Every structure is written in structure tokens, then in C-alpha cells.
Amino acid sequence: MPEPARLSVVDEIRKIVRGATPTHAHLRARLVAVLVATVALDAVASVLILGFERHAPGTEITNMGDAIFWTSTQLLTVSSQLKNPISTPARVFDVLLQAYAISVVAVLSGSWGAFFHRRGLERDPIRIPDAGSHHQGA
């Protein structure tokens, strides 16, 4: 009897965390790399945005808490209730942050897609005829 889908998903998540197979380990490595890069970028970007905006007239990003909140929401592509940056360097940086965030979504989508494809092949390999053998009809 096939196991319920929920248990299968939980099992796959556990295998990813453990790196149970090369496919699971590959996905885990990609997820960790994206997470580490994004957290590091969030920290650096928050400091930079605060430096760009702190003394700009009319800005709503006036302290480190505002900078972290604004940068994090930009990286999550959800935006925030804070107004966008006012200074030119901060606006340019905002565009770069958005480009990074969109790229991360694309990379993660591709990584998950490749993972599902590989796991599908591992579970039910496609029988591909050997390219060297030609079947000739009679």
C-alpha cells in the first residue's frame, strides 16, 4: 500500500536536511548557499542603506531598525510600508537588491525543479535505449 503523500513529503524534507543522497545533498548545498548569501547581503545592505539615507531630507529610514526592516522586506520581494529611498545612491542600490531578490526566486525555482526531476528519475528511471545499438526492422 503506498504511503500517504504527507509522510512522503516529510520524509523527503528530512532527507534534504540529512543530505541522504547526492541529489538531496546537492539541493541542501544550494539552499544553504542562497540563505547565507542573502543573510550576509541583508546585513551589509542595511548598513549601506542607513548610510545613504540617514541624513536625506524626508526619508523614513532613520535608524538601523528601519534599515534592516526595509532591506529585509525588499529582499523578500514583499516591499514595506516605509517609503522608498530618497537619495540617488540608495535608489540605485534598491534596484540592485530587487534584481538579486528576483534572481534568488529564479535560482530556487530551478533548484527545486531540478531536484524533483532527479528524484523522479531515481524513483522511476526512464529506460532510454543505448545510442550505439540500432534496432533495424526485418
C-alpha atoms as a PDB file:
ATOM      1  CA  MET A   1       0.000   0.000   0.000  1.00  0.00           C
ATOM      2  CA  PRO A   2       1.511   3.385  -0.961  1.00  0.00           C
ATOM      3  CA  GLU A   3       2.404   5.674   1.904  1.00  0.00           C
ATOM      4  CA  PRO A   4       0.371   8.856   2.323  1.00  0.00           C
ATOM      5  CA  ALA A   5       1.709  11.851   0.371  1.00  0.00           C
ATOM      6  CA  ARG A   6       2.186  13.889   3.556  1.00  0.00           C
ATOM      7  CA  LEU A   7       4.547  11.318   5.041  1.00  0.00           C
ATOM      8  CA  SER A   8       6.444  11.159   1.769  1.00  0.00           C
ATOM      9  CA  VAL A   9       6.965  14.946   1.747  1.00  0.00           C
ATOM     10  CA  VAL A  10       8.106  14.952   5.378  1.00  0.00           C
ATOM     11  CA  ASP A  11      10.493  12.087   4.585  1.00  0.00           C
ATOM     12  CA  GLU A  12      11.935  13.992   1.607  1.00  0.00           C
ATOM     13  CA  ILE A  13      12.464  17.105   3.759  1.00  0.00           C
ATOM     14  CA  ARG A  14      14.297  15.006   6.351  1.00  0.00           C
ATOM     15  CA  LYS A  15      16.455  13.517   3.577  1.00  0.00           C
ATOM     16  CA  ILE A  16      17.310  17.009   2.316  1.00  0.00           C
ATOM     17  CA  VAL A  17      18.344  18.129   5.812  1.00  0.00           C
ATOM     18  CA  ARG A  18      20.494  14.992   6.235  1.00  0.00           C
ATOM     19  CA  GLY A  19      21.804  15.026   2.666  1.00  0.00           C
ATOM     20  CA  ALA A  20      20.728  11.395   2.393  1.00  0.00           C
ATOM     21  CA  THR A  21      21.590  11.028  -1.303  1.00  0.00           C
ATOM     22  CA  PRO A  22      23.727  13.102  -3.672  1.00  0.00           C
ATOM     23  CA  THR A  23      20.508  14.661  -5.012  1.00  0.00           C
ATOM     24  CA  HIS A  24      19.383  15.671  -1.517  1.00  0.00           C
ATOM     25  CA  ALA A  25      22.864  16.929  -0.618  1.00  0.00           C
ATOM     26  CA  HIS A  26      23.044  18.993  -3.820  1.00  0.00           C
ATOM     27  CA  LEU A  27      19.747  20.732  -3.067  1.00  0.00           C
ATOM     28  CA  ARG A  28      20.743  21.289   0.563  1.00  0.00           C
ATOM     29  CA  ALA A  29      24.031  22.882  -0.552  1.00  0.00           C
ATOM     30  CA  ARG A  30      22.189  25.250  -2.900  1.00  0.00           C
ATOM     31  CA  LEU A  31      19.634  26.212  -0.257  1.00  0.00           C
ATOM     32  CA  VAL A  32      22.324  26.866   2.341  1.00  0.00           C
ATOM     33  CA  ALA A  33      24.408  28.918  -0.119  1.00  0.00           C
ATOM     34  CA  VAL A  34      21.428  31.107  -1.024  1.00  0.00           C
ATOM     35  CA  LEU A  35      20.466  31.525   2.637  1.00  0.00           C
ATOM     36  CA  VAL A  36      23.994  32.500   3.731  1.00  0.00           C
ATOM     37  CA  ALA A  37      24.439  34.902   0.801  1.00  0.00           C
ATOM     38  CA  THR A  38      21.066  36.529   1.455  1.00  0.00           C
ATOM     39  CA  VAL A  39      21.634  36.964   5.201  1.00  0.00           C
ATOM     40  CA  ALA A  40      25.076  38.457   4.543  1.00  0.00           C
ATOM     41  CA  LEU A  41      23.670  40.760   1.862  1.00  0.00           C
ATOM     42  CA  ASP A  42      20.852  41.802   4.191  1.00  0.00           C
ATOM     43  CA  ALA A  43      23.345  42.818   6.882  1.00  0.00           C
ATOM     44  CA  VAL A  44      25.668  44.718   4.524  1.00  0.00           C
ATOM     45  CA  ALA A  45      22.801  46.311   2.602  1.00  0.00           C
ATOM     46  CA  SER A  46      21.153  47.509   5.822  1.00  0.00           C
ATOM     47  CA  VAL A  47      24.318  49.336   6.852  1.00  0.00           C
ATOM     48  CA  LEU A  48      24.724  50.851   3.378  1.00  0.00           C
ATOM     49  CA  ILE A  49      21.101  51.957   3.110  1.00  0.00           C
ATOM     50  CA  LEU A  50      21.280  53.576   6.533  1.00  0.00           C
ATOM     51  CA  GLY A  51      24.464  55.381   5.479  1.00  0.00           C
ATOM     52  CA  PHE A  52      22.829  56.607   2.264  1.00  0.00           C
ATOM     53  CA  GLU A  53      19.522  57.614   3.815  1.00  0.00           C
ATOM     54  CA  ARG A  54      20.174  58.661   7.404  1.00  0.00           C
ATOM     55  CA  HIS A  55      20.523  62.364   6.647  1.00  0.00           C
ATOM     56  CA  ALA A  56      18.416  62.565   3.486  1.00  0.00           C
ATOM     57  CA  PRO A  57      15.593  65.078   3.938  1.00  0.00           C
ATOM     58  CA  GLY A  58      12.179  63.412   4.118  1.00  0.00           C
ATOM     59  CA  THR A  59      13.429  59.839   4.450  1.00  0.00           C
ATOM     60  CA  GLU A  60      11.708  57.307   6.673  1.00  0.00           C
ATOM     61  CA  ILE A  61      14.861  55.210   7.070  1.00  0.00           C
ATOM     62  CA  THR A  62      16.486  56.967  10.013  1.00  0.00           C
ATOM     63  CA  ASN A  63      17.855  54.186  12.238  1.00  0.00           C
ATOM     64  CA  MET A  64      19.274  50.676  11.963  1.00  0.00           C
ATOM     65  CA  GLY A  65      15.931  49.046  12.778  1.00  0.00           C
ATOM     66  CA  ASP A  66      14.284  50.863   9.855  1.00  0.00           C
ATOM     67  CA  ALA A  67      17.190  49.934   7.569  1.00  0.00           C
ATOM     68  CA  ILE A  68      17.055  46.242   8.491  1.00  0.00           C
ATOM     69  CA  PHE A  69      13.266  46.166   8.137  1.00  0.00           C
ATOM     70  CA  TRP A  70      13.297  47.948   4.773  1.00  0.00           C
ATOM     71  CA  THR A  71      16.166  45.878   3.356  1.00  0.00           C
ATOM     72  CA  SER A  72      14.679  42.577   4.542  1.00  0.00           C
ATOM     73  CA  THR A  73      11.303  43.329   3.007  1.00  0.00           C
ATOM     74  CA  GLN A  74      12.972  44.315  -0.270  1.00  0.00           C
ATOM     75  CA  LEU A  75      14.906  41.031  -0.328  1.00  0.00           C
ATOM     76  CA  LEU A  76      11.702  39.126   0.375  1.00  0.00           C
ATOM     77  CA  THR A  77      10.119  40.990  -2.566  1.00  0.00           C
ATOM     78  CA  VAL A  78       7.168  41.975  -0.394  1.00  0.00           C
ATOM     79  CA  SER A  79       8.033  45.672  -0.075  1.00  0.00           C
ATOM     80  CA  SER A  80       7.166  47.566   3.087  1.00  0.00           C
ATOM     81  CA  GLN A  81       5.130  50.438   4.387  1.00  0.00           C
ATOM     82  CA  LEU A  82       8.245  52.593   4.537  1.00  0.00           C
ATOM     83  CA  LYS A  83       8.673  54.927   1.616  1.00  0.00           C
ATOM     84  CA  ASN A  84      11.304  54.023  -0.932  1.00  0.00           C
ATOM     85  CA  PRO A  85      14.733  55.588  -0.511  1.00  0.00           C
ATOM     86  CA  ILE A  86      15.165  59.238  -1.429  1.00  0.00           C
ATOM     87  CA  SER A  87      18.901  59.533  -2.118  1.00  0.00           C
ATOM     88  CA  THR A  88      20.220  58.573  -5.545  1.00  0.00           C
ATOM     89  CA  PRO A  89      22.781  56.012  -4.264  1.00  0.00           C
ATOM     90  CA  ALA A  90      20.078  54.308  -2.184  1.00  0.00           C
ATOM     91  CA  ARG A  91      17.700  54.192  -5.160  1.00  0.00           C
ATOM     92  CA  VAL A  92      20.366  52.565  -7.329  1.00  0.00           C
ATOM     93  CA  PHE A  93      21.070  50.090  -4.540  1.00  0.00           C
ATOM     94  CA  ASP A  94      17.333  49.403  -4.251  1.00  0.00           C
ATOM     95  CA  VAL A  95      17.236  48.352  -7.906  1.00  0.00           C
ATOM     96  CA  LEU A  96      20.214  46.027  -7.333  1.00  0.00           C
ATOM     97  CA  LEU A  97      18.519  44.491  -4.298  1.00  0.00           C
ATOM     98  CA  GLN A  98      15.373  43.843  -6.306  1.00  0.00           C
ATOM     99  CA  ALA A  99      17.410  42.251  -9.115  1.00  0.00           C
ATOM    100  CA  TYR A 100      19.113  39.994  -6.546  1.00  0.00           C
ATOM    101  CA  ALA A 101      15.762  39.045  -4.986  1.00  0.00           C
ATOM    102  CA  ILE A 102      14.246  38.148  -8.358  1.00  0.00           C
ATOM    103  CA  SER A 103      17.363  36.145  -9.241  1.00  0.00           C
ATOM    104  CA  VAL A 104      17.102  34.209  -5.982  1.00  0.00           C
ATOM    105  CA  VAL A 105      13.490  33.305  -6.745  1.00  0.00           C
ATOM    106  CA  ALA A 106      14.569  32.064 -10.188  1.00  0.00           C
ATOM    107  CA  VAL A 107      17.514  30.078  -8.789  1.00  0.00           C
ATOM    108  CA  LEU A 108      15.374  28.481  -6.106  1.00  0.00           C
ATOM    109  CA  SER A 109      12.664  27.609  -8.614  1.00  0.00           C
ATOM    110  CA  GLY A 110      15.223  25.995 -10.882  1.00  0.00           C
ATOM    111  CA  SER A 111      16.876  24.161  -7.990  1.00  0.00           C
ATOM    112  CA  TRP A 112      13.586  22.705  -6.784  1.00  0.00           C
ATOM    113  CA  GLY A 113      12.602  21.799 -10.345  1.00  0.00           C
ATOM    114  CA  ALA A 114      15.917  20.005 -10.910  1.00  0.00           C
ATOM    115  CA  PHE A 115      15.536  18.256  -7.555  1.00  0.00           C
ATOM    116  CA  PHE A 116      12.060  16.954  -8.395  1.00  0.00           C
ATOM    117  CA  HIS A 117      13.254  15.836 -11.823  1.00  0.00           C
ATOM    118  CA  ARG A 118      16.253  13.950 -10.396  1.00  0.00           C
ATOM    119  CA  ARG A 119      14.190  12.382  -7.620  1.00  0.00           C
ATOM    120  CA  GLY A 120      11.656  11.267 -10.201  1.00  0.00           C
ATOM    121  CA  LEU A 121      14.409   9.603 -12.222  1.00  0.00           C
ATOM    122  CA  GLU A 122      15.826   7.973  -9.087  1.00  0.00           C
ATOM    123  CA  ARG A 123      12.424   6.579  -8.138  1.00  0.00           C
ATOM    124  CA  ASP A 124      11.325   5.556 -11.624  1.00  0.00           C
ATOM    125  CA  PRO A 125      14.221   5.585 -14.111  1.00  0.00           C
ATOM    126  CA  ILE A 126      13.341   6.218 -17.719  1.00  0.00           C
ATOM    127  CA  ARG A 127      14.508   3.415 -19.953  1.00  0.00           C
ATOM    128  CA  ILE A 128      16.485   5.075 -22.718  1.00  0.00           C
ATOM    129  CA  PRO A 129      17.767   2.780 -25.478  1.00  0.00           C
ATOM    130  CA  ASP A 130      21.528   2.679 -25.894  1.00  0.00           C
ATOM    131  CA  ALA A 131      22.532   5.172 -28.594  1.00  0.00           C
ATOM    132  CA  GLY A 132      25.068   2.688 -30.002  1.00  0.00           C
ATOM    133  CA  SER A 133      22.546  -0.022 -30.730  1.00  0.00           C
ATOM    134  CA  HIS A 134      20.255   0.479 -33.677  1.00  0.00           C
ATOM    135  CA  HIS A 135      17.190  -1.647 -33.937  1.00  0.00           C
ATOM    136  CA  GLN A 136      16.569  -2.480 -37.526  1.00  0.00           C
ATOM    137  CA  GLY A 137      13.269  -3.907 -38.589  1.00  0.00           C
ATOM    138  CA  ALA A 138      13.047  -7.068 -40.756  1.00  0.00           C
END
